[in-house]
């Protein structure tokens, strides 16, 4: 499966807020995953894939099956994040 497009939406980061923004990722020009969240905690960036609450528990809607694909997905998202323009704060 190839990652064919990544769109990143940076947010204006406030002090002590680990949330950096979100990403939408297209696979093989055929399938898209919306709302992958990007965080940074203790200097380490990581992604959180979409989930939904069922009763009192959060359950992943989609996720990589192996570490290699997760690393590929994170690399593509972080590269797009680093290349994306900085957000403009609303006045």
PDB file of N, CA and C in Angstrom:
ATOM      1  N   UNK A   1       0.853  -1.165   0.000  1.00  0.00           N
ATOM      2  CA  UNK A   1       0.000   0.000   0.000  1.00  0.00           C
ATOM      3  C   UNK A   1       0.903   1.232   0.000  1.00  0.00           C
ATOM      4  N   UNK A   2       0.617   2.142  -0.907  1.00  0.00           N
ATOM      5  CA  UNK A   2       1.411   3.357  -1.017  1.00  0.00           C
ATOM      6  C   UNK A   2       0.649   4.553  -0.469  1.00  0.00           C
ATOM      7  N   UNK A   3       1.371   5.430   0.189  1.00  0.00           N
ATOM      8  CA  UNK A   3       0.810   6.696   0.658  1.00  0.00           C
ATOM      9  C   UNK A   3       0.949   7.667  -0.505  1.00  0.00           C
ATOM     10  N   UNK A   4      -0.183   8.108  -1.067  1.00  0.00           N
ATOM     11  CA  UNK A   4      -0.130   8.950  -2.255  1.00  0.00           C
ATOM     12  C   UNK A   4      -0.359  10.432  -1.980  1.00  0.00           C
ATOM     13  N   UNK A   5      -0.871  10.774  -0.792  1.00  0.00           N
ATOM     14  CA  UNK A   5      -1.037  12.188  -0.462  1.00  0.00           C
ATOM     15  C   UNK A   5      -1.200  12.341   1.043  1.00  0.00           C
ATOM     16  N   UNK A   6      -0.618  13.417   1.558  1.00  0.00           N
ATOM     17  CA  UNK A   6      -0.767  13.757   2.979  1.00  0.00           C
ATOM     18  C   UNK A   6      -1.073  15.239   3.063  1.00  0.00           C
ATOM     19  N   UNK A   7      -2.178  15.586   3.705  1.00  0.00           N
ATOM     20  CA  UNK A   7      -2.514  16.985   3.958  1.00  0.00           C
ATOM     21  C   UNK A   7      -2.451  17.206   5.461  1.00  0.00           C
ATOM     22  N   UNK A   8      -1.724  18.239   5.863  1.00  0.00           N
ATOM     23  CA  UNK A   8      -1.527  18.538   7.280  1.00  0.00           C
ATOM     24  C   UNK A   8      -2.205  19.852   7.616  1.00  0.00           C
ATOM     25  N   UNK A   9      -2.817  19.902   8.784  1.00  0.00           N
ATOM     26  CA  UNK A   9      -3.477  21.104   9.276  1.00  0.00           C
ATOM     27  C   UNK A   9      -2.869  21.438  10.633  1.00  0.00           C
ATOM     28  N   UNK A  10      -1.911  22.389  10.617  1.00  0.00           N
ATOM     29  CA  UNK A  10      -1.253  22.794  11.859  1.00  0.00           C
ATOM     30  C   UNK A  10      -2.169  23.714  12.637  1.00  0.00           C
ATOM     31  N   UNK A  11      -2.066  23.654  13.948  1.00  0.00           N
ATOM     32  CA  UNK A  11      -2.812  24.593  14.781  1.00  0.00           C
ATOM     33  C   UNK A  11      -1.818  25.509  15.475  1.00  0.00           C
ATOM     34  N   UNK A  12      -2.296  26.648  15.907  1.00  0.00           N
ATOM     35  CA  UNK A  12      -1.469  27.559  16.687  1.00  0.00           C
ATOM     36  C   UNK A  12      -1.274  26.903  18.046  1.00  0.00           C
ATOM     37  N   UNK A  13      -0.037  26.591  18.371  1.00  0.00           N
ATOM     38  CA  UNK A  13       0.262  25.852  19.599  1.00  0.00           C
ATOM     39  C   UNK A  13       0.326  26.813  20.772  1.00  0.00           C
ATOM     40  N   UNK A  14      -0.420  26.489  21.791  1.00  0.00           N
ATOM     41  CA  UNK A  14      -0.398  27.264  23.029  1.00  0.00           C
ATOM     42  C   UNK A  14       0.521  26.557  24.019  1.00  0.00           C
ATOM     43  N   UNK A  15       0.994  27.295  24.991  1.00  0.00           N
ATOM     44  CA  UNK A  15       1.911  26.745  25.987  1.00  0.00           C
ATOM     45  C   UNK A  15       1.294  25.533  26.684  1.00  0.00           C
ATOM     46  N   UNK A  16       2.071  24.511  26.876  1.00  0.00           N
ATOM     47  CA  UNK A  16       1.665  23.267  27.560  1.00  0.00           C
ATOM     48  C   UNK A  16       0.571  22.494  26.832  1.00  0.00           C
ATOM     49  N   UNK A  17       0.359  22.748  25.554  1.00  0.00           N
ATOM     50  CA  UNK A  17      -0.619  21.991  24.774  1.00  0.00           C
ATOM     51  C   UNK A  17       0.144  21.057  23.836  1.00  0.00           C
ATOM     52  N   UNK A  18       0.046  19.752  24.032  1.00  0.00           N
ATOM     53  CA  UNK A  18       0.816  18.824  23.194  1.00  0.00           C
ATOM     54  C   UNK A  18       0.248  18.643  21.788  1.00  0.00           C
ATOM     55  N   UNK A  19      -1.007  19.077  21.543  1.00  0.00           N
ATOM     56  CA  UNK A  19      -1.650  18.878  20.241  1.00  0.00           C
ATOM     57  C   UNK A  19      -1.086  19.862  19.219  1.00  0.00           C
ATOM     58  N   UNK A  20      -0.543  19.335  18.119  1.00  0.00           N
ATOM     59  CA  UNK A  20       0.073  20.172  17.088  1.00  0.00           C
ATOM     60  C   UNK A  20      -0.824  20.378  15.868  1.00  0.00           C
ATOM     61  N   UNK A  21      -1.698  19.435  15.598  1.00  0.00           N
ATOM     62  CA  UNK A  21      -2.550  19.544  14.424  1.00  0.00           C
ATOM     63  C   UNK A  21      -3.064  18.187  14.011  1.00  0.00           C
ATOM     64  N   UNK A  22      -3.523  18.100  12.746  1.00  0.00           N
ATOM     65  CA  UNK A  22      -4.063  16.833  12.255  1.00  0.00           C
ATOM     66  C   UNK A  22      -3.625  16.616  10.816  1.00  0.00           C
ATOM     67  N   UNK A  23      -3.869  15.396  10.340  1.00  0.00           N
ATOM     68  CA  UNK A  23      -3.497  15.047   8.968  1.00  0.00           C
ATOM     69  C   UNK A  23      -4.574  14.158   8.360  1.00  0.00           C
ATOM     70  N   UNK A  24      -4.711  14.283   7.051  1.00  0.00           N
ATOM     71  CA  UNK A  24      -5.527  13.379   6.257  1.00  0.00           C
ATOM     72  C   UNK A  24      -4.567  12.663   5.316  1.00  0.00           C
ATOM     73  N   UNK A  25      -4.670  11.348   5.205  1.00  0.00           N
ATOM     74  CA  UNK A  25      -3.737  10.572   4.398  1.00  0.00           C
ATOM     75  C   UNK A  25      -4.504   9.751   3.364  1.00  0.00           C
ATOM     76  N   UNK A  26      -4.043   9.829   2.104  1.00  0.00           N
ATOM     77  CA  UNK A  26      -4.637   9.076   1.001  1.00  0.00           C
ATOM     78  C   UNK A  26      -3.718   7.897   0.679  1.00  0.00           C
ATOM     79  N   UNK A  27      -4.314   6.732   0.498  1.00  0.00           N
ATOM     80  CA  UNK A  27      -3.583   5.516   0.161  1.00  0.00           C
ATOM     81  C   UNK A  27      -3.958   5.064  -1.245  1.00  0.00           C
ATOM     82  N   UNK A  28      -2.958   4.831  -2.081  1.00  0.00           N
ATOM     83  CA  UNK A  28      -3.146   4.325  -3.448  1.00  0.00           C
ATOM     84  C   UNK A  28      -4.173   5.119  -4.255  1.00  0.00           C
ATOM     85  N   UNK A  29      -4.325   6.404  -3.964  1.00  0.00           N
ATOM     86  CA  UNK A  29      -5.324   7.245  -4.637  1.00  0.00           C
ATOM     87  C   UNK A  29      -6.728   6.646  -4.575  1.00  0.00           C
ATOM     88  N   UNK A  30      -6.979   5.763  -3.596  1.00  0.00           N
ATOM     89  CA  UNK A  30      -8.260   5.074  -3.516  1.00  0.00           C
ATOM     90  C   UNK A  30      -8.937   5.148  -2.155  1.00  0.00           C
ATOM     91  N   UNK A  31      -8.182   5.418  -1.101  1.00  0.00           N
ATOM     92  CA  UNK A  31      -8.735   5.328   0.255  1.00  0.00           C
ATOM     93  C   UNK A  31      -8.133   6.430   1.105  1.00  0.00           C
ATOM     94  N   UNK A  32      -8.960   7.100   1.919  1.00  0.00           N
ATOM     95  CA  UNK A  32      -8.469   8.208   2.746  1.00  0.00           C
ATOM     96  C   UNK A  32      -8.815   7.963   4.210  1.00  0.00           C
ATOM     97  N   UNK A  33      -7.897   8.360   5.072  1.00  0.00           N
ATOM     98  CA  UNK A  33      -8.141   8.353   6.508  1.00  0.00           C
ATOM     99  C   UNK A  33      -8.060   9.803   6.968  1.00  0.00           C
ATOM    100  N   UNK A  34      -9.155  10.323   7.512  1.00  0.00           N
ATOM    101  CA  UNK A  34      -9.227  11.691   8.017  1.00  0.00           C
ATOM    102  C   UNK A  34      -8.962  11.718   9.516  1.00  0.00           C
ATOM    103  N   UNK A  35      -8.438  12.842   9.979  1.00  0.00           N
ATOM    104  CA  UNK A  35      -8.377  13.092  11.413  1.00  0.00           C
ATOM    105  C   UNK A  35      -7.304  12.366  12.182  1.00  0.00           C
ATOM    106  N   UNK A  36      -6.155  12.139  11.563  1.00  0.00           N
ATOM    107  CA  UNK A  36      -5.025  11.575  12.305  1.00  0.00           C
ATOM    108  C   UNK A  36      -4.420  12.734  13.095  1.00  0.00           C
ATOM    109  N   UNK A  37      -4.400  12.610  14.411  1.00  0.00           N
ATOM    110  CA  UNK A  37      -3.931  13.712  15.262  1.00  0.00           C
ATOM    111  C   UNK A  37      -2.425  13.623  15.479  1.00  0.00           C
ATOM    112  N   UNK A  38      -1.795  14.805  15.536  1.00  0.00           N
ATOM    113  CA  UNK A  38      -0.344  14.896  15.721  1.00  0.00           C
ATOM    114  C   UNK A  38      -0.076  15.585  17.055  1.00  0.00           C
ATOM    115  N   UNK A  39       0.752  14.941  17.867  1.00  0.00           N
ATOM    116  CA  UNK A  39       1.092  15.457  19.190  1.00  0.00           C
ATOM    117  C   UNK A  39       2.602  15.494  19.371  1.00  0.00           C
ATOM    118  N   UNK A  40       3.030  16.279  20.368  1.00  0.00           N
ATOM    119  CA  UNK A  40       4.427  16.288  20.785  1.00  0.00           C
ATOM    120  C   UNK A  40       4.446  16.347  22.305  1.00  0.00           C
ATOM    121  N   UNK A  41       5.103  15.363  22.910  1.00  0.00           N
ATOM    122  CA  UNK A  41       5.207  15.309  24.360  1.00  0.00           C
ATOM    123  C   UNK A  41       6.634  14.929  24.718  1.00  0.00           C
ATOM    124  N   UNK A  42       7.216  15.676  25.640  1.00  0.00           N
ATOM    125  CA  UNK A  42       8.604  15.451  26.059  1.00  0.00           C
ATOM    126  C   UNK A  42       9.562  15.439  24.873  1.00  0.00           C
ATOM    127  N   UNK A  43       9.286  16.306  23.888  1.00  0.00           N
ATOM    128  CA  UNK A  43      10.152  16.430  22.723  1.00  0.00           C
ATOM    129  C   UNK A  43       9.987  15.347  21.673  1.00  0.00           C
ATOM    130  N   UNK A  44       9.068  14.426  21.875  1.00  0.00           N
ATOM    131  CA  UNK A  44       8.821  13.333  20.930  1.00  0.00           C
ATOM    132  C   UNK A  44       7.485  13.527  20.232  1.00  0.00           C
ATOM    133  N   UNK A  45       7.506  13.512  18.903  1.00  0.00           N
ATOM    134  CA  UNK A  45       6.257  13.601  18.147  1.00  0.00           C
ATOM    135  C   UNK A  45       5.670  12.204  17.965  1.00  0.00           C
ATOM    136  N   UNK A  46       4.346  12.152  17.942  1.00  0.00           N
ATOM    137  CA  UNK A  46       3.665  10.891  17.681  1.00  0.00           C
ATOM    138  C   UNK A  46       2.297  11.179  17.084  1.00  0.00           C
ATOM    139  N   UNK A  47       1.704  10.148  16.487  1.00  0.00           N
ATOM    140  CA  UNK A  47       0.385  10.296  15.886  1.00  0.00           C
ATOM    141  C   UNK A  47      -0.619   9.435  16.647  1.00  0.00           C
ATOM    142  N   UNK A  48      -1.878   9.862  16.587  1.00  0.00           N
ATOM    143  CA  UNK A  48      -2.981   9.099  17.164  1.00  0.00           C
ATOM    144  C   UNK A  48      -4.009   8.941  16.052  1.00  0.00           C
ATOM    145  N   UNK A  49      -4.303   7.694  15.722  1.00  0.00           N
ATOM    146  CA  UNK A  49      -5.252   7.413  14.652  1.00  0.00           C
ATOM    147  C   UNK A  49      -6.684   7.555  15.157  1.00  0.00           C
ATOM    148  N   UNK A  50      -7.646   7.717  14.238  1.00  0.00           N
ATOM    149  CA  UNK A  50      -9.039   7.930  14.630  1.00  0.00           C
ATOM    150  C   UNK A  50      -9.580   6.823  15.541  1.00  0.00           C
ATOM    151  N   UNK A  51     -10.411   7.242  16.483  1.00  0.00           N
ATOM    152  CA  UNK A  51     -11.054   6.309  17.396  1.00  0.00           C
ATOM    153  C   UNK A  51     -12.448   6.828  17.715  1.00  0.00           C
ATOM    154  N   UNK A  52     -13.260   5.963  18.305  1.00  0.00           N
ATOM    155  CA  UNK A  52     -14.587   6.393  18.731  1.00  0.00           C
ATOM    156  C   UNK A  52     -14.877   5.785  20.091  1.00  0.00           C
ATOM    157  N   UNK A  53     -15.760   6.424  20.818  1.00  0.00           N
ATOM    158  CA  UNK A  53     -16.094   5.961  22.155  1.00  0.00           C
ATOM    159  C   UNK A  53     -17.269   4.989  22.074  1.00  0.00           C
ATOM    160  N   UNK A  54     -17.059   3.806  22.607  1.00  0.00           N
ATOM    161  CA  UNK A  54     -18.115   2.801  22.700  1.00  0.00           C
ATOM    162  C   UNK A  54     -18.302   2.518  24.181  1.00  0.00           C
ATOM    163  N   UNK A  55     -19.477   2.882  24.669  1.00  0.00           N
ATOM    164  CA  UNK A  55     -19.779   2.845  26.103  1.00  0.00           C
ATOM    165  C   UNK A  55     -18.761   3.729  26.818  1.00  0.00           C
ATOM    166  N   UNK A  56     -17.905   3.193  27.655  1.00  0.00           N
ATOM    167  CA  UNK A  56     -16.925   4.012  28.380  1.00  0.00           C
ATOM    168  C   UNK A  56     -15.505   3.794  27.890  1.00  0.00           C
ATOM    169  N   UNK A  57     -15.341   3.205  26.715  1.00  0.00           N
ATOM    170  CA  UNK A  57     -14.010   2.846  26.236  1.00  0.00           C
ATOM    171  C   UNK A  57     -13.763   3.420  24.842  1.00  0.00           C
ATOM    172  N   UNK A  58     -12.558   3.959  24.610  1.00  0.00           N
ATOM    173  CA  UNK A  58     -12.168   4.437  23.298  1.00  0.00           C
ATOM    174  C   UNK A  58     -11.608   3.267  22.500  1.00  0.00           C
ATOM    175  N   UNK A  59     -12.112   3.096  21.265  1.00  0.00           N
ATOM    176  CA  UNK A  59     -11.722   1.977  20.416  1.00  0.00           C
ATOM    177  C   UNK A  59     -11.197   2.526  19.098  1.00  0.00           C
ATOM    178  N   UNK A  60     -10.025   2.027  18.660  1.00  0.00           N
ATOM    179  CA  UNK A  60      -9.451   2.455  17.394  1.00  0.00           C
ATOM    180  C   UNK A  60     -10.318   2.037  16.222  1.00  0.00           C
ATOM    181  N   UNK A  61     -10.505   2.964  15.282  1.00  0.00           N
ATOM    182  CA  UNK A  61     -11.285   2.678  14.079  1.00  0.00           C
ATOM    183  C   UNK A  61     -10.392   2.022  13.031  1.00  0.00           C
ATOM    184  N   UNK A  62      -9.158   2.484  12.965  1.00  0.00           N
ATOM    185  CA  UNK A  62      -8.193   1.936  12.016  1.00  0.00           C
ATOM    186  C   UNK A  62      -6.801   2.053  12.626  1.00  0.00           C
ATOM    187  N   UNK A  63      -5.925   1.168  12.222  1.00  0.00           N
ATOM    188  CA  UNK A  63      -4.560   1.217  12.737  1.00  0.00           C
ATOM    189  C   UNK A  63      -3.647   0.351  11.874  1.00  0.00           C
ATOM    190  N   UNK A  64      -2.343   0.663  11.858  1.00  0.00           N
ATOM    191  CA  UNK A  64      -1.394  -0.176  11.125  1.00  0.00           C
ATOM    192  C   UNK A  64      -1.322  -1.570  11.745  1.00  0.00           C
ATOM    193  N   UNK A  65      -1.081  -2.552  10.914  1.00  0.00           N
ATOM    194  CA  UNK A  65      -0.984  -3.938  11.371  1.00  0.00           C
ATOM    195  C   UNK A  65       0.421  -4.247  11.900  1.00  0.00           C
ATOM    196  N   UNK A  66       1.431  -3.541  11.381  1.00  0.00           N
ATOM    197  CA  UNK A  66       2.798  -3.843  11.813  1.00  0.00           C
ATOM    198  C   UNK A  66       3.608  -2.571  12.047  1.00  0.00           C
ATOM    199  N   UNK A  67       4.747  -2.721  12.728  1.00  0.00           N
ATOM    200  CA  UNK A  67       5.602  -1.574  13.079  1.00  0.00           C
ATOM    201  C   UNK A  67       6.184  -0.896  11.846  1.00  0.00           C
ATOM    202  N   UNK A  68       6.483  -1.674  10.815  1.00  0.00           N
ATOM    203  CA  UNK A  68       7.084  -1.110   9.604  1.00  0.00           C
ATOM    204  C   UNK A  68       6.137  -0.125   8.923  1.00  0.00           C
ATOM    205  N   UNK A  69       4.854  -0.509   8.817  1.00  0.00           N
ATOM    206  CA  UNK A  69       3.918   0.413   8.172  1.00  0.00           C
ATOM    207  C   UNK A  69       3.642   1.622   9.050  1.00  0.00           C
ATOM    208  N   UNK A  70       3.583   1.437  10.355  1.00  0.00           N
ATOM    209  CA  UNK A  70       3.384   2.579  11.263  1.00  0.00           C
ATOM    210  C   UNK A  70       4.535   3.569  11.100  1.00  0.00           C
ATOM    211  N   UNK A  71       5.761   3.070  11.017  1.00  0.00           N
ATOM    212  CA  UNK A  71       6.929   3.942  10.822  1.00  0.00           C
ATOM    213  C   UNK A  71       6.835   4.683   9.489  1.00  0.00           C
ATOM    214  N   UNK A  72       6.396   3.993   8.438  1.00  0.00           N
ATOM    215  CA  UNK A  72       6.225   4.613   7.115  1.00  0.00           C
ATOM    216  C   UNK A  72       5.167   5.724   7.177  1.00  0.00           C
ATOM    217  N   UNK A  73       4.062   5.449   7.862  1.00  0.00           N
ATOM    218  CA  UNK A  73       2.981   6.425   7.997  1.00  0.00           C
ATOM    219  C   UNK A  73       3.441   7.641   8.797  1.00  0.00           C
ATOM    220  N   UNK A  74       4.092   7.409   9.932  1.00  0.00           N
ATOM    221  CA  UNK A  74       4.601   8.517  10.747  1.00  0.00           C
ATOM    222  C   UNK A  74       5.596   9.360   9.959  1.00  0.00           C
ATOM    223  N   UNK A  75       6.503   8.724   9.241  1.00  0.00           N
ATOM    224  CA  UNK A  75       7.504   9.456   8.454  1.00  0.00           C
ATOM    225  C   UNK A  75       6.834  10.365   7.428  1.00  0.00           C
ATOM    226  N   UNK A  76       5.844   9.846   6.709  1.00  0.00           N
ATOM    227  CA  UNK A  76       5.138  10.644   5.698  1.00  0.00           C
ATOM    228  C   UNK A  76       4.412  11.818   6.338  1.00  0.00           C
ATOM    229  N   UNK A  77       3.756  11.591   7.471  1.00  0.00           N
ATOM    230  CA  UNK A  77       3.020  12.663   8.145  1.00  0.00           C
ATOM    231  C   UNK A  77       3.981  13.708   8.695  1.00  0.00           C
ATOM    232  N   UNK A  78       5.062  13.289   9.345  1.00  0.00           N
ATOM    233  CA  UNK A  78       6.004  14.240   9.922  1.00  0.00           C
ATOM    234  C   UNK A  78       6.719  15.047   8.838  1.00  0.00           C
ATOM    235  N   UNK A  79       7.038  14.432   7.701  1.00  0.00           N
ATOM    236  CA  UNK A  79       7.649  15.172   6.590  1.00  0.00           C
ATOM    237  C   UNK A  79       6.687  16.239   6.073  1.00  0.00           C
ATOM    238  N   UNK A  80       5.418  15.880   5.890  1.00  0.00           N
ATOM    239  CA  UNK A  80       4.418  16.852   5.433  1.00  0.00           C
ATOM    240  C   UNK A  80       4.226  17.949   6.472  1.00  0.00           C
ATOM    241  N   UNK A  81       4.238  17.585   7.748  1.00  0.00           N
ATOM    242  CA  UNK A  81       4.091  18.556   8.826  1.00  0.00           C
ATOM    243  C   UNK A  81       5.243  19.549   8.800  1.00  0.00           C
ATOM    244  N   UNK A  82       6.468  19.062   8.631  1.00  0.00           N
ATOM    245  CA  UNK A  82       7.651  19.932   8.612  1.00  0.00           C
ATOM    246  C   UNK A  82       7.658  20.866   7.405  1.00  0.00           C
ATOM    247  N   UNK A  83       7.066  20.430   6.297  1.00  0.00           N
ATOM    248  CA  UNK A  83       7.030  21.244   5.075  1.00  0.00           C
ATOM    249  C   UNK A  83       5.845  22.212   5.053  1.00  0.00           C
ATOM    250  N   UNK A  84       4.838  21.979   5.855  1.00  0.00           N
ATOM    251  CA  UNK A  84       3.624  22.798   5.834  1.00  0.00           C
ATOM    252  C   UNK A  84       3.907  24.206   6.392  1.00  0.00           C
ATOM    253  N   UNK A  85       3.156  25.165   5.867  1.00  0.00           N
ATOM    254  CA  UNK A  85       3.276  26.544   6.335  1.00  0.00           C
ATOM    255  C   UNK A  85       2.785  26.622   7.782  1.00  0.00           C
ATOM    256  N   UNK A  86       3.323  27.570   8.508  1.00  0.00           N
ATOM    257  CA  UNK A  86       2.896  27.787   9.898  1.00  0.00           C
ATOM    258  C   UNK A  86       1.475  28.363   9.904  1.00  0.00           C
ATOM    259  N   UNK A  87       0.671  27.995  10.891  1.00  0.00           N
ATOM    260  CA  UNK A  87      -0.704  28.515  10.960  1.00  0.00           C
ATOM    261  C   UNK A  87      -0.690  29.997  11.319  1.00  0.00           C
ATOM    262  N   UNK A  88      -1.744  30.680  10.908  1.00  0.00           N
ATOM    263  CA  UNK A  88      -1.895  32.101  11.224  1.00  0.00           C
ATOM    264  C   UNK A  88      -2.951  32.207  12.306  1.00  0.00           C
ATOM    265  N   UNK A  89      -2.616  32.865  13.392  1.00  0.00           N
ATOM    266  CA  UNK A  89      -3.560  33.019  14.499  1.00  0.00           C
ATOM    267  C   UNK A  89      -4.636  34.021  14.113  1.00  0.00           C
ATOM    268  N   UNK A  90      -5.902  33.672  14.390  1.00  0.00           N
ATOM    269  CA  UNK A  90      -7.016  34.581  14.105  1.00  0.00           C
ATOM    270  C   UNK A  90      -6.928  35.795  15.014  1.00  0.00           C
ATOM    271  N   UNK A  91      -7.206  36.966  14.443  1.00  0.00           N
ATOM    272  CA  UNK A  91      -7.154  38.189  15.239  1.00  0.00           C
ATOM    273  C   UNK A  91      -8.527  38.686  15.545  1.00  0.00           C
TER     274      UNK A  91
END
